[in-house]
Protein backbone atom coordinates (compact mmCIF):
# COMPACT_ATOMS: atom_id res chain seq x y z
CA UNK A 1 -0.29 0.52 -0.12
CA UNK A 2 1.20 3.58 -0.80
CA UNK A 3 1.22 5.91 1.70
CA UNK A 4 -0.69 9.07 2.17
CA UNK A 5 2.42 11.30 2.70
CA UNK A 6 4.42 9.85 -0.49
CA UNK A 7 0.68 9.67 -3.01
CA UNK A 8 0.84 13.48 -1.73
CA UNK A 9 4.32 13.60 -2.78
CA UNK A 10 3.93 11.70 -6.27
CA UNK A 11 1.20 14.21 -7.18
CA UNK A 12 3.18 16.87 -6.45
CA UNK A 13 6.15 15.86 -8.58
CA UNK A 14 3.76 14.91 -11.11
CA UNK A 15 1.94 18.28 -11.60
CA UNK A 16 5.09 20.46 -10.32
CA UNK A 17 7.36 18.44 -13.26
CA UNK A 18 4.73 17.05 -15.60
CA UNK A 19 6.22 13.48 -14.90
CA UNK A 20 7.00 11.06 -11.65
CA UNK A 21 8.74 7.81 -10.94
CA UNK A 22 7.54 5.09 -8.81
CA UNK A 23 10.16 2.61 -7.80
CA UNK A 24 9.72 -1.35 -7.42
CA UNK A 25 5.66 -1.29 -8.42
CA UNK A 26 6.31 -4.74 -10.24
CA UNK A 27 8.61 -7.53 -8.55
CA UNK A 28 11.61 -8.16 -11.30
CA UNK A 29 11.14 -11.80 -11.27
CA UNK A 30 7.48 -10.76 -12.57
CA UNK A 31 8.48 -8.52 -14.78
CA UNK A 32 11.00 -11.07 -17.13
CA UNK A 33 7.71 -12.88 -17.60
CA UNK A 34 5.60 -10.61 -18.78
CA UNK A 35 8.37 -9.66 -21.75
CA UNK A 36 8.60 -13.21 -22.69
CA UNK A 37 5.01 -13.66 -22.86
CA UNK A 38 4.49 -9.85 -24.79
CA UNK A 39 6.78 -10.88 -27.21
CA UNK A 40 5.89 -14.54 -27.36
CA UNK A 41 2.17 -12.74 -28.11
CA UNK A 42 3.88 -10.41 -30.01
CA UNK A 43 4.95 -13.28 -32.35
CA UNK A 44 1.99 -14.60 -33.41
CA UNK A 45 0.06 -11.60 -33.90
CA UNK A 46 2.82 -9.21 -35.61
CA UNK A 47 1.37 -10.54 -39.42
CA UNK A 48 -1.86 -9.08 -38.57
CA UNK A 49 -0.83 -5.72 -37.80
CA UNK A 50 -1.53 -3.20 -39.97
CA UNK A 51 1.33 -0.54 -40.76
CA UNK A 52 -0.58 1.74 -38.28
CA UNK A 53 -0.59 -0.86 -35.55
CA UNK A 54 3.36 -2.46 -35.72
CA UNK A 55 6.65 -0.77 -36.91
CA UNK A 56 9.95 -2.62 -37.63
CA UNK A 57 13.25 -1.23 -36.59
CA UNK A 58 14.98 0.10 -39.18
CA UNK A 59 13.84 -2.39 -41.98
CA UNK A 60 14.44 -5.14 -39.45
CA UNK A 61 12.40 -8.10 -39.17
CA UNK A 62 12.34 -6.84 -35.10
CA UNK A 63 9.49 -5.54 -33.29
CA UNK A 64 9.89 -1.42 -32.10
CA UNK A 65 6.47 -0.66 -31.61
CA UNK A 66 3.20 -1.93 -31.28
CA UNK A 67 0.29 0.40 -30.97
CA UNK A 68 -3.39 -0.39 -29.83
CA UNK A 69 -2.19 -3.56 -28.04
CA UNK A 70 -4.74 -5.63 -27.46
CA UNK A 71 -3.38 -8.04 -25.33
CA UNK A 72 -5.00 -10.00 -22.17
CA UNK A 73 -2.16 -8.93 -19.70
CA UNK A 74 -2.76 -5.05 -20.52
CA UNK A 75 -6.16 -5.67 -19.85
CA UNK A 76 -5.41 -7.15 -16.48
CA UNK A 77 -2.88 -4.91 -15.62
CA UNK A 78 -4.33 -1.33 -15.94
CA UNK A 79 -6.99 -2.49 -14.02
CA UNK A 80 -4.14 -2.65 -10.89
CA UNK A 81 -5.68 -0.77 -7.76
CA UNK A 82 -2.10 0.53 -6.73
CA UNK A 83 -1.81 2.06 -10.86
CA UNK A 84 -6.04 2.99 -10.90
CA UNK A 85 -5.80 5.20 -7.31
CA UNK A 86 -3.03 7.06 -8.54
CA UNK A 87 -4.10 7.56 -11.60
CA UNK A 88 -7.37 9.05 -10.37
CA UNK A 89 -5.63 11.17 -7.69
CA UNK A 90 -3.29 12.95 -10.71
CA UNK A 91 -6.65 13.88 -13.03
CA UNK A 92 -8.38 14.34 -10.17
CA UNK A 93 -12.02 12.38 -11.64
CA UNK A 94 -13.10 8.96 -12.71
CA UNK A 95 -11.13 7.56 -15.43
CA UNK A 96 -10.87 5.63 -18.59
CA UNK A 97 -8.88 3.20 -20.81
CA UNK A 98 -7.69 5.06 -23.51
CA UNK A 99 -5.69 2.20 -25.21
CA UNK A 100 -1.83 0.46 -24.54
CA UNK A 101 1.13 0.64 -26.42
CA UNK A 102 4.79 -1.28 -26.55
CA UNK A 103 7.97 0.82 -27.29
CA UNK A 104 10.66 -2.52 -27.97
CA UNK A 105 13.26 -0.25 -29.44
CA UNK A 106 15.68 -3.47 -29.57
CA UNK A 107 19.72 -3.40 -29.00
CA UNK A 108 21.42 -2.00 -31.57
CA UNK A 109 19.24 -0.76 -34.06
CA UNK A 110 15.90 0.90 -31.93
CA UNK A 111 14.27 3.98 -33.50
CA UNK A 112 14.63 7.62 -32.01
CA UNK A 113 11.19 9.21 -31.37
CA UNK A 114 11.16 12.42 -32.27
CA UNK A 115 10.56 15.66 -29.16
CA UNK A 116 6.54 15.07 -29.05
CA UNK A 117 3.52 15.94 -27.02
CA UNK A 118 1.51 12.83 -26.98
CA UNK A 119 -1.77 15.01 -26.87
CA UNK A 120 -1.21 16.18 -30.53
CA UNK A 121 -1.72 12.52 -31.62
CA UNK A 122 -4.75 11.89 -28.64
CA UNK A 123 -6.30 15.68 -29.34
CA UNK A 124 -8.25 15.39 -26.22
CA UNK A 125 -10.18 18.87 -25.36
CA UNK A 126 -8.78 19.24 -22.16
CA UNK A 127 -5.81 17.69 -22.31
CA UNK A 128 -6.24 15.55 -19.18
CA UNK A 129 -4.59 12.41 -19.62
CA UNK A 130 -1.59 10.70 -19.03
CA UNK A 131 0.79 7.86 -19.58
CA UNK A 132 1.73 4.76 -16.96
CA UNK A 133 5.34 3.38 -18.84
CA UNK A 134 6.26 0.36 -16.80
CA UNK A 135 9.64 -1.03 -17.74
CA UNK A 136 10.17 -4.33 -18.78
CA UNK A 137 13.97 -3.60 -18.88
CA UNK A 138 16.65 -1.28 -17.38
CA UNK A 139 16.11 2.34 -19.40
CA UNK A 140 19.37 4.21 -19.18
CA UNK A 141 20.88 7.20 -21.57
CA UNK A 142 22.87 4.40 -23.33
CA UNK A 143 19.78 2.50 -24.59
CA UNK A 144 17.71 5.00 -25.55
CA UNK A 145 15.69 5.74 -22.68
CA UNK A 146 12.85 8.61 -22.77
CA UNK A 147 14.00 12.27 -22.43
CA UNK A 148 11.81 15.41 -20.73
CA UNK A 149 11.58 19.11 -20.72
CA UNK A 150 10.82 19.56 -16.77
CA UNK A 151 7.85 21.37 -16.33
CA UNK A 152 7.06 21.56 -20.25
CA UNK A 153 3.22 20.96 -20.07
CA UNK A 154 2.70 24.27 -18.29
CA UNK A 155 3.00 25.25 -22.27
CA UNK A 156 0.10 23.72 -23.21
CA UNK A 157 -0.68 22.19 -26.59
CA UNK A 158 1.89 23.76 -29.29
CA UNK A 159 1.73 23.39 -32.59
CA UNK A 160 3.86 20.15 -34.54
CA UNK A 161 4.63 18.76 -38.01
CA UNK A 162 5.09 15.90 -39.65
CA UNK A 163 7.97 13.81 -38.68
CA UNK A 164 8.32 10.75 -41.13
CA UNK A 165 9.38 8.92 -38.21
CA UNK A 166 7.27 5.02 -38.06
CA UNK A 167 5.44 5.32 -35.31
CA UNK A 168 5.82 8.72 -33.96
CA UNK A 169 4.48 10.84 -37.30
CA UNK A 170 4.41 14.16 -35.15
CA UNK A 171 7.24 16.35 -34.09
CA UNK A 172 7.46 19.61 -32.37
CA UNK A 173 7.67 22.83 -34.22
CA UNK A 174 9.41 25.15 -32.81
CA UNK A 175 11.95 24.23 -30.84
CA UNK A 176 13.73 27.16 -29.63
CA UNK A 177 10.86 27.10 -26.99
CA UNK A 178 12.81 24.19 -25.00
CA UNK A 179 15.86 26.31 -24.00
CA UNK A 180 14.24 27.64 -21.55
CA UNK A 181 13.75 24.07 -19.72
CA UNK A 182 15.79 21.33 -18.10
CA UNK A 183 16.36 17.85 -20.23
CA UNK A 184 16.48 15.25 -18.09
CA UNK A 185 16.51 10.72 -18.85
CA UNK A 186 14.87 9.54 -15.93
CA UNK A 187 17.09 5.72 -15.35
CA UNK A 188 14.47 3.16 -14.44
CA UNK A 189 14.63 -0.78 -13.05
CA UNK A 190 12.52 -3.46 -14.94
CA UNK A 191 9.35 -3.00 -12.78
CA UNK A 192 9.29 0.37 -11.89
CA UNK A 193 6.82 2.64 -12.76
CA UNK A 194 7.15 6.36 -15.17
CA UNK A 195 4.07 8.65 -15.43
CA UNK A 196 3.84 11.12 -17.55
CA UNK A 197 1.37 14.23 -18.25
CA UNK A 198 -0.17 13.67 -22.47
CA UNK A 199 1.34 17.50 -22.71
CA UNK A 200 4.86 17.18 -20.96
CA UNK A 201 7.77 17.71 -24.45
CA UNK A 202 9.49 14.50 -24.27
CA UNK A 203 11.40 11.64 -27.32
CA UNK A 204 14.00 9.47 -26.91
CA UNK A 205 17.37 8.72 -28.93
CA UNK A 206 18.61 5.34 -30.53
CA UNK A 207 19.21 2.88 -28.71
CA UNK A 208 22.86 2.13 -30.11
CA UNK A 209 23.90 -0.19 -27.26
CA UNK A 210 23.98 -4.12 -26.97
CA UNK A 211 20.74 -3.96 -24.25
CA UNK A 212 16.72 -3.67 -25.34
CA UNK A 213 14.56 -1.25 -23.95
CA UNK A 214 11.24 -2.49 -23.44
CA UNK A 215 8.60 -0.82 -22.16
CA UNK A 216 4.47 -1.35 -21.75
CA UNK A 217 2.52 1.67 -21.15
CA UNK A 218 -0.55 2.40 -20.55
CA UNK A 219 -2.54 5.44 -21.62
CA UNK A 220 -5.95 7.15 -19.06
CA UNK A 221 -8.23 10.19 -19.84
CA UNK A 222 -10.20 11.70 -17.43
CA UNK A 223 -13.77 10.85 -17.51
CA UNK A 224 -14.52 14.47 -18.68
CA UNK A 225 -12.31 14.40 -21.49
CA UNK A 226 -13.62 14.59 -24.86
CA UNK A 227 -11.86 14.43 -28.44
CA UNK A 228 -11.75 17.34 -30.54
CA UNK A 229 -12.96 16.59 -33.56
CA UNK A 230 -11.55 19.26 -35.83
CA UNK A 231 -7.84 18.47 -34.21
CA UNK A 232 -8.64 14.69 -34.85
CA UNK A 233 -9.17 15.46 -38.54
CA UNK A 234 -6.16 18.41 -39.01
CA UNK A 235 -3.98 15.17 -37.15
CA UNK A 236 -5.53 12.08 -39.33
CA UNK A 237 -4.84 14.29 -43.06
CA UNK A 238 -1.11 14.84 -41.54
CA UNK A 239 -0.66 11.72 -41.01
CA UNK A 240 -1.90 10.07 -44.59
CA UNK A 241 0.66 12.23 -46.00
CA UNK A 242 3.13 10.83 -44.75
CA UNK A 243 1.64 7.20 -45.87
């Protein structure tokens, strides 16, 4: 059980910086088994996934990312009471599921993720959404860990442009605004989770190391959130130009 004082610290860090790390949420021995089962599932299903759902690393046969993940384990873990309670507190209302993804970033060939805000993809009218990122491997700068621009979520949604990067089609248009923010790269161990606001500016570099950097993500939105139809249409038009 997470004590009240720890919850307050988690909430304070999340609101102030736009992300928060919670260590040892899942036992490491369980995480090892989860990763094995996940990739067994993906190997069975990858042939049936379309171009928008699965992307391979640098034209290899290695999976780099999977979107709209429909896996039984995700359905189970997204109901984890500890996670659900924290998400409700961070979003300050009842919540809804908003999908799941895998960012596998395999050793030596894992691709970069351009700097972006998630809500440019999500198109929430109120920006009340977040991602719970579960580390299935160690995540370090050397193997392409996520980096954040602390406090950048307070800017609100910024203009983006096409990135032409598989699995991450948009990137921040005006990078000059990042000069005022501190760039940080959290380190994670298997079983740790990283929660970030859908408006924080973030990305990741290529994995040139000999170690995988797999993350399983679950997305949640506030019950009051609605899709901005005009923004979604604009995003979909930009996406079609890249295919």
